[in-house]
């Protein structure tokens, strides 16, 4: 029997991940610069108008990991 996950247990979506990364690095413009994408494209992804390439998404996760301790100080 395959167990299905409820919506409460799913992984965070791309938009929420990008939003968190933007908060940690100082805003959308800074995140776009670090991810080497346009601010407009980043805003589309955060607005859930499409999804970023895996390379961009994983780079955002990397930034979250790198900056996680900084938000606690």
Protein backbone atom coordinates (compact mmCIF):
# COMPACT_ATOMS: atom_id res chain seq x y z
CA UNK A 1 0.00 0.00 0.00
CA UNK A 2 1.39 3.41 -0.98
CA UNK A 3 1.16 6.01 1.71
CA UNK A 4 0.17 9.47 0.52
CA UNK A 5 1.38 12.59 2.26
CA UNK A 6 -0.99 15.29 3.35
CA UNK A 7 -0.31 18.88 2.23
CA UNK A 8 1.00 19.72 5.72
CA UNK A 9 3.92 17.29 5.28
CA UNK A 10 5.12 18.30 1.82
CA UNK A 11 8.44 20.02 1.24
CA UNK A 12 8.51 23.82 0.97
CA UNK A 13 7.75 25.13 -2.50
CA UNK A 14 10.19 26.96 -4.72
CA UNK A 15 8.67 30.39 -4.06
CA UNK A 16 8.95 30.03 -0.28
CA UNK A 17 12.56 28.88 -0.59
CA UNK A 18 13.49 31.84 -2.78
CA UNK A 19 11.67 34.22 -0.43
CA UNK A 20 13.59 32.87 2.56
CA UNK A 21 16.89 33.15 0.72
CA UNK A 22 16.08 36.77 -0.21
CA UNK A 23 15.38 37.63 3.42
CA UNK A 24 18.68 36.12 4.52
CA UNK A 25 20.86 37.84 1.91
CA UNK A 26 19.28 41.29 2.06
CA UNK A 27 16.52 41.39 -0.53
CA UNK A 28 15.46 40.40 -4.00
CA UNK A 29 18.09 42.44 -5.83
CA UNK A 30 20.91 40.88 -3.82
CA UNK A 31 19.51 37.38 -4.27
CA UNK A 32 19.09 37.88 -8.02
CA UNK A 33 22.69 39.04 -8.23
CA UNK A 34 23.98 36.07 -6.27
CA UNK A 35 21.93 33.62 -8.32
CA UNK A 36 22.96 35.35 -11.56
CA UNK A 37 19.37 35.84 -12.72
CA UNK A 38 17.37 38.96 -13.49
CA UNK A 39 15.35 40.59 -10.72
CA UNK A 40 12.28 40.27 -12.96
CA UNK A 41 12.74 36.51 -13.37
CA UNK A 42 13.25 36.09 -9.63
CA UNK A 43 10.03 38.02 -8.96
CA UNK A 44 8.15 35.73 -11.36
CA UNK A 45 9.35 32.64 -9.52
CA UNK A 46 8.56 34.12 -6.10
CA UNK A 47 5.12 35.05 -7.44
CA UNK A 48 4.70 31.38 -8.42
CA UNK A 49 4.67 32.15 -12.15
CA UNK A 50 6.79 29.17 -13.10
CA UNK A 51 9.61 27.43 -11.32
CA UNK A 52 13.33 28.12 -11.35
CA UNK A 53 15.83 25.70 -12.88
CA UNK A 54 17.16 23.13 -10.42
CA UNK A 55 20.57 24.81 -10.42
CA UNK A 56 19.04 28.11 -9.25
CA UNK A 57 16.83 26.41 -6.67
CA UNK A 58 19.73 24.45 -5.20
CA UNK A 59 21.91 27.56 -5.17
CA UNK A 60 19.18 29.31 -3.14
CA UNK A 61 19.15 26.39 -0.71
CA UNK A 62 22.92 26.72 -0.43
CA UNK A 63 22.55 30.41 0.44
CA UNK A 64 19.98 29.56 3.10
CA UNK A 65 22.36 27.02 4.64
CA UNK A 66 25.30 29.45 4.50
CA UNK A 67 23.31 32.24 6.13
CA UNK A 68 21.21 30.25 8.60
CA UNK A 69 23.47 31.01 11.56
CA UNK A 70 23.60 34.72 10.75
CA UNK A 71 19.86 35.12 11.39
CA UNK A 72 20.28 33.81 14.93
CA UNK A 73 22.96 36.23 16.07
